[in-house]
Amino acid sequence: MDVQPSYIKLLKEGTLLTKVEETQEHLAYCRLCPHECGVNRRENKGFCQAGDKAIVASFGPHLGEEDVLVGRNGSGTIFFGHCNLRCVFCQNFDLSFGGEGRLVSNKELADVMLALQNYYNCQNINLVTPTHFVPNILAALYSAAQQGLHLPIVYNCGGYEKLETLKLLHGVIDIYMPDFKYGEAERGQRYSQVVDYPSRAKLALKEMDRQVGGLKVDRGIAYRGLLIRHLVLPGGLEDTKEVLDFIKRQLSPDCLVNLMSQYYPSHQASKYPEINERVSAHEYGEALSYARELGLRLA
């Protein structure tokens, strides 16, 4: 099965360029994410601390992603610097808090995408923490698509997304892969410094589901759809159940859920005694059993 990424159609119609132009406005008055800082990113910085150029920390084939993304040659990941969340347990805090990486032009970012396809033979282009660099990504994608890029685009985000931005991405993104971190607002405020994480994430996931539906796979490789990650935190079983209940009740039954057990105390987690330990096998087992009882499609 040879499925053409949706952005190719937008390119031919001229709609992709229109989307590029619309997103550029946010560099002068940024309202890309729920923080709605309204800053001129050519001169100042908002919550995420990003300027008007993308920061790429690293790129290359990633074999540690979900099997449906990896295939034979790996998922073509591009790790961006900065983030619109402040997760105290972030395992990539050098990137998300420190903005580690290299400033790149949109042309250079397009070249990275083409290298992942033509040199590394990756299965997809996997944009890791992309929200604050959507204008740069769309401009680079427009250029790369003109030069023959034809891989599915994966939007690998923290789940704290703005509905209007996601609607701009309709037809551009093939696979949405958001985190759904918390079901309780208090936990989002305590651990990620945002007061409205669950409500924003739920709206975002429903919009993503509307755009791409459940995860579609051909010969073991995903080409379109929704894949949700949830990291089980110590003492967070009830919150995890709330997250899983929402997925079951509100989203397509064939979206894929990766219930992750690899939490470990990182960055500033030691300041929060309740999460300053690993998730126990019993705790994760309880979460997994609940997900199976709900009949979720698990990675």
Protein backbone atom coordinates (compact mmCIF):
# COMPACT_ATOMS: atom_id res chain seq x y z
CA MET A 1 0.00 0.00 0.00
CA ASP A 2 1.47 3.33 -1.07
CA VAL A 3 -0.24 6.12 0.87
CA GLN A 4 0.65 9.69 0.00
CA PRO A 5 1.09 12.06 2.96
CA SER A 6 -1.70 14.59 3.18
CA TYR A 7 0.59 17.62 2.84
CA ILE A 8 1.42 16.64 -0.75
CA LYS A 9 -2.18 17.34 -1.70
CA LEU A 10 -2.03 20.70 0.09
CA LEU A 11 1.17 21.55 -1.78
CA LYS A 12 -0.45 20.87 -5.15
CA GLU A 13 -3.54 22.89 -4.22
CA GLY A 14 -1.51 25.87 -2.98
CA THR A 15 -3.05 25.53 0.48
CA LEU A 16 0.23 24.58 2.15
CA LEU A 17 1.77 27.95 1.26
CA THR A 18 -1.28 29.71 2.68
CA LYS A 19 -0.80 27.87 5.97
CA VAL A 20 2.88 28.83 6.00
CA GLU A 21 1.95 32.49 5.59
CA GLU A 22 -0.69 32.33 8.32
CA THR A 23 1.69 30.88 10.89
CA GLN A 24 4.40 33.50 10.21
CA GLU A 25 2.17 36.07 11.89
CA HIS A 26 2.89 34.38 15.22
CA LEU A 27 6.55 35.38 15.03
CA ALA A 28 5.43 39.00 15.41
CA TYR A 29 2.65 38.31 17.95
CA CYS A 30 2.85 34.76 19.24
CA ARG A 31 -0.33 32.98 20.26
CA LEU A 32 0.62 29.49 19.08
CA CYS A 33 -0.03 27.72 22.37
CA PRO A 34 -2.40 28.16 25.32
CA HIS A 35 0.00 30.57 27.05
CA GLU A 36 -0.86 33.15 24.35
CA CYS A 37 2.14 35.30 25.32
CA GLY A 38 1.61 37.75 22.47
CA VAL A 39 5.33 38.56 22.23
CA ASN A 40 7.26 39.62 19.15
CA ARG A 41 9.60 36.67 18.92
CA ARG A 42 12.05 38.56 16.72
CA GLU A 43 12.78 40.80 19.71
CA ASN A 44 11.47 39.13 22.89
CA LYS A 45 10.72 35.71 24.35
CA GLY A 46 7.61 34.31 25.99
CA PHE A 47 7.03 31.35 28.31
CA CYS A 48 8.78 28.85 26.04
CA GLN A 49 11.85 31.12 25.61
CA ALA A 50 11.98 30.43 21.85
CA GLY A 51 12.95 33.11 19.35
CA ASP A 52 12.10 33.34 15.67
CA LYS A 53 14.51 30.62 14.51
CA ALA A 54 14.14 26.93 15.25
CA ILE A 55 16.64 25.25 17.57
CA VAL A 56 17.57 21.69 16.62
CA ALA A 57 19.29 19.74 19.39
CA SER A 58 19.79 16.60 17.31
CA PHE A 59 18.32 14.58 14.48
CA GLY A 60 18.61 11.09 13.07
CA PRO A 61 16.97 7.65 12.97
CA HIS A 62 15.49 6.70 16.35
CA LEU A 63 15.03 2.99 17.05
CA GLY A 64 13.55 3.49 20.52
CA GLU A 65 10.15 4.83 19.46
CA GLU A 66 7.01 2.70 19.19
CA ASP A 67 7.37 -0.27 16.84
CA VAL A 68 4.79 1.13 14.42
CA LEU A 69 6.99 4.20 13.89
CA VAL A 70 10.39 2.53 13.76
CA GLY A 71 10.22 -0.13 11.05
CA ARG A 72 13.55 -1.23 9.61
CA ASN A 73 15.39 2.09 9.48
CA GLY A 74 14.01 4.03 12.43
CA SER A 75 11.80 7.03 13.01
CA GLY A 76 13.38 10.21 11.63
CA THR A 77 13.40 12.27 14.79
CA ILE A 78 14.16 15.98 15.03
CA PHE A 79 14.60 17.09 18.64
CA PHE A 80 13.83 20.77 19.13
CA GLY A 81 15.06 23.00 21.93
CA HIS A 82 12.68 24.66 24.44
CA CYS A 83 9.12 23.66 25.41
CA ASN A 84 5.80 25.20 26.41
CA LEU A 85 5.68 23.07 29.58
CA ARG A 86 7.93 23.08 32.66
CA CYS A 87 7.76 19.47 33.78
CA VAL A 88 9.77 19.06 36.97
CA PHE A 89 10.60 15.45 36.07
CA CYS A 90 11.63 16.12 32.45
CA GLN A 91 14.27 13.67 31.25
CA ASN A 92 15.34 16.02 28.43
CA PHE A 93 15.61 19.13 30.60
CA ASP A 94 18.77 20.31 28.82
CA LEU A 95 16.60 20.75 25.74
CA SER A 96 13.27 21.80 27.23
CA PHE A 97 14.54 24.15 29.95
CA GLY A 98 17.97 25.03 28.60
CA GLY A 99 17.16 25.29 24.91
CA GLU A 100 20.19 23.17 24.03
CA GLY A 101 20.85 22.92 20.32
CA ARG A 102 21.75 24.89 17.22
CA LEU A 103 19.84 27.74 15.65
CA VAL A 104 18.84 26.72 12.13
CA SER A 105 17.29 28.54 9.21
CA ASN A 106 14.13 27.18 7.64
CA LYS A 107 16.23 26.04 4.67
CA GLU A 108 18.53 24.10 6.98
CA LEU A 109 15.53 22.51 8.66
CA ALA A 110 14.20 21.48 5.24
CA ASP A 111 17.60 19.94 4.49
CA VAL A 112 17.40 17.95 7.72
CA MET A 113 14.00 16.55 6.70
CA LEU A 114 15.33 15.55 3.29
CA ALA A 115 18.41 13.94 4.82
CA LEU A 116 16.24 11.81 7.11
CA GLN A 117 14.39 10.59 4.02
CA ASN A 118 17.10 10.34 1.38
CA TYR A 119 20.21 9.50 3.40
CA TYR A 120 18.91 7.70 6.49
CA ASN A 121 15.86 6.11 4.77
CA CYS A 122 13.68 6.74 7.82
CA GLN A 123 10.03 5.75 8.01
CA ASN A 124 8.71 9.22 8.90
CA ILE A 125 9.65 12.73 10.03
CA ASN A 126 9.15 12.78 13.80
CA LEU A 127 8.95 16.35 15.19
CA VAL A 128 9.75 16.18 18.91
CA THR A 129 8.36 19.12 20.93
CA PRO A 130 7.33 21.11 17.85
CA THR A 131 4.59 23.45 19.08
CA HIS A 132 6.60 26.67 19.49
CA PHE A 133 8.34 26.19 16.13
CA VAL A 134 5.27 25.52 13.98
CA PRO A 135 5.97 28.56 11.72
CA ASN A 136 9.50 27.33 11.04
CA ILE A 137 8.40 23.74 10.56
CA LEU A 138 5.70 24.61 8.03
CA ALA A 139 8.06 26.84 6.05
CA ALA A 140 10.68 24.06 6.02
CA LEU A 141 8.10 21.43 5.10
CA TYR A 142 6.88 23.55 2.19
CA SER A 143 10.42 23.77 0.85
CA ALA A 144 11.20 20.10 1.47
CA ALA A 145 7.96 18.93 -0.15
CA GLN A 146 8.84 20.92 -3.27
CA GLN A 147 12.11 18.98 -3.34
CA GLY A 148 10.48 15.58 -3.06
CA LEU A 149 9.82 14.94 0.62
CA HIS A 150 7.10 12.30 0.85
CA LEU A 151 7.34 10.83 4.36
CA PRO A 152 4.50 10.99 6.91
CA ILE A 153 4.85 13.80 9.46
CA VAL A 154 4.62 12.89 13.16
CA TYR A 155 3.64 15.65 15.59
CA ASN A 156 5.22 14.46 18.84
CA CYS A 157 4.07 16.91 21.50
CA GLY A 158 3.38 17.35 25.21
CA GLY A 159 -0.38 17.62 24.78
CA TYR A 160 -0.64 21.26 25.83
CA GLU A 161 -1.88 22.57 22.50
CA LYS A 162 -4.08 25.38 21.25
CA LEU A 163 -7.11 24.39 19.20
CA GLU A 164 -6.61 27.10 16.58
CA THR A 165 -3.03 26.01 15.93
CA LEU A 166 -4.09 22.40 15.51
CA LYS A 167 -6.76 23.48 13.03
CA LEU A 168 -4.04 25.24 11.01
CA LEU A 169 -2.19 21.92 10.96
CA HIS A 170 -5.19 20.03 9.58
CA GLY A 171 -4.05 18.25 6.44
CA VAL A 172 -0.38 18.79 7.25
CA ILE A 173 0.13 16.28 10.05
CA ASP A 174 -0.31 12.60 9.28
CA ILE A 175 0.31 11.13 12.74
CA TYR A 176 -0.39 12.94 15.99
CA MET A 177 1.54 11.57 18.97
CA PRO A 178 0.65 13.66 22.03
CA ASP A 179 1.37 12.98 25.65
CA PHE A 180 -1.68 12.94 27.88
CA LYS A 181 0.14 13.64 31.13
CA TYR A 182 -2.55 14.35 33.70
CA GLY A 183 -6.26 13.97 34.24
CA GLU A 184 -6.25 16.28 37.27
CA ALA A 185 -5.54 20.00 36.89
CA GLU A 186 -3.75 20.21 40.24
CA ARG A 187 -1.08 17.79 39.03
CA GLY A 188 -0.53 19.80 35.86
CA GLN A 189 -0.04 22.94 37.92
CA ARG A 190 2.26 21.26 40.44
CA TYR A 191 4.43 19.30 38.03
CA SER A 192 4.27 21.27 34.73
CA GLN A 193 3.42 24.86 35.79
CA VAL A 194 0.20 25.12 33.77
CA VAL A 195 -3.16 25.56 35.46
CA ASP A 196 -5.39 24.07 32.77
CA TYR A 197 -3.51 21.07 31.38
CA PRO A 198 -6.35 18.46 31.35
CA SER A 199 -8.94 20.72 29.75
CA ARG A 200 -6.49 21.85 27.05
CA ALA A 201 -5.22 18.33 26.41
CA LYS A 202 -8.72 16.90 26.10
CA LEU A 203 -9.74 19.52 23.54
CA ALA A 204 -6.49 18.94 21.66
CA LEU A 205 -6.86 15.16 21.57
CA LYS A 206 -10.43 15.40 20.33
CA GLU A 207 -9.33 17.73 17.52
CA MET A 208 -6.45 15.45 16.60
CA ASP A 209 -8.83 12.51 16.53
CA ARG A 210 -11.24 14.47 14.33
CA GLN A 211 -8.46 15.16 11.85
CA VAL A 212 -6.77 11.78 11.58
CA GLY A 213 -8.86 9.21 13.50
CA GLY A 214 -7.47 5.99 14.91
CA LEU A 215 -4.02 4.76 13.99
CA LYS A 216 -3.76 3.18 10.54
CA VAL A 217 -0.95 0.73 9.84
CA ASP A 218 0.32 -0.82 6.62
CA ARG A 219 2.79 -3.71 6.78
CA GLY A 220 3.46 -2.91 10.42
CA ILE A 221 4.17 0.81 9.88
CA ALA A 222 1.84 3.65 10.85
CA TYR A 223 0.98 6.13 8.12
CA ARG A 224 -1.89 8.10 9.66
CA GLY A 225 -3.79 8.47 12.90
CA LEU A 226 -3.56 9.10 16.63
CA LEU A 227 -1.06 7.55 19.05
CA ILE A 228 -1.31 8.70 22.68
CA ARG A 229 1.42 8.35 25.28
CA HIS A 230 0.79 8.35 29.02
CA LEU A 231 3.62 8.09 31.53
CA VAL A 232 2.53 6.44 34.76
CA LEU A 233 3.80 8.48 37.72
CA PRO A 234 4.41 7.21 41.27
CA GLY A 235 1.22 7.47 43.30
CA GLY A 236 -0.70 8.48 40.19
CA LEU A 237 -2.91 5.45 39.62
CA GLU A 238 -6.21 7.29 40.04
CA ASP A 239 -5.04 10.04 37.73
CA THR A 240 -3.97 7.44 35.17
CA LYS A 241 -7.42 5.85 35.34
CA GLU A 242 -9.00 9.25 34.65
CA VAL A 243 -6.78 9.67 31.58
CA LEU A 244 -7.61 6.19 30.30
CA ASP A 245 -11.34 6.67 30.93
CA PHE A 246 -11.33 9.80 28.77
CA ILE A 247 -9.56 8.00 25.94
CA LYS A 248 -12.07 5.19 26.10
CA ARG A 249 -15.16 7.42 26.26
CA GLN A 250 -14.22 10.30 23.98
CA LEU A 251 -11.81 9.10 21.28
CA SER A 252 -11.80 6.61 18.41
CA PRO A 253 -11.60 3.02 19.65
CA ASP A 254 -8.67 2.26 17.36
CA CYS A 255 -6.35 5.03 18.54
CA LEU A 256 -3.16 3.48 19.92
CA VAL A 257 -2.20 4.01 23.57
CA ASN A 258 1.32 3.62 24.89
CA LEU A 259 1.11 3.22 28.67
CA MET A 260 4.69 3.91 29.70
CA SER A 261 6.49 2.56 32.76
CA GLN A 262 9.91 4.17 32.36
CA TYR A 263 9.50 7.07 34.78
CA TYR A 264 12.50 7.83 36.94
CA PRO A 265 13.17 10.90 39.13
CA SER A 266 14.98 13.42 36.95
CA HIS A 267 15.69 17.14 36.84
CA GLN A 268 13.82 18.68 39.83
CA ALA A 269 11.79 15.63 40.88
CA SER A 270 13.77 15.32 44.11
CA LYS A 271 11.95 18.43 45.37
CA TYR A 272 8.66 16.51 45.23
CA PRO A 273 8.84 13.54 47.64
CA GLU A 274 5.77 11.83 46.20
CA ILE A 275 7.41 11.42 42.79
CA ASN A 276 11.01 11.07 43.93
CA GLU A 277 11.01 7.34 43.24
CA ARG A 278 10.44 4.96 40.38
CA VAL A 279 7.04 3.51 39.56
CA SER A 280 6.65 0.13 41.23
CA ALA A 281 5.92 -2.97 39.17
CA HIS A 282 2.68 -3.39 41.12
CA GLU A 283 1.55 0.17 40.39
CA TYR A 284 2.25 -0.14 36.69
CA GLY A 285 0.63 -3.56 36.61
CA GLU A 286 -2.56 -2.10 38.07
CA ALA A 287 -2.60 0.64 35.44
CA LEU A 288 -2.01 -1.86 32.62
CA SER A 289 -4.75 -4.17 33.90
CA TYR A 290 -7.19 -1.26 33.98
CA ALA A 291 -6.31 -0.27 30.41
CA ARG A 292 -6.90 -3.84 29.28
CA GLU A 293 -10.22 -4.01 31.12
CA LEU A 294 -11.33 -0.90 29.22
CA GLY A 295 -10.45 -2.67 25.95
CA LEU A 296 -7.98 0.02 24.79
CA ARG A 297 -5.70 -0.70 21.87
CA LEU A 298 -2.28 -0.80 23.51
CA ALA A 299 1.15 -0.41 21.96
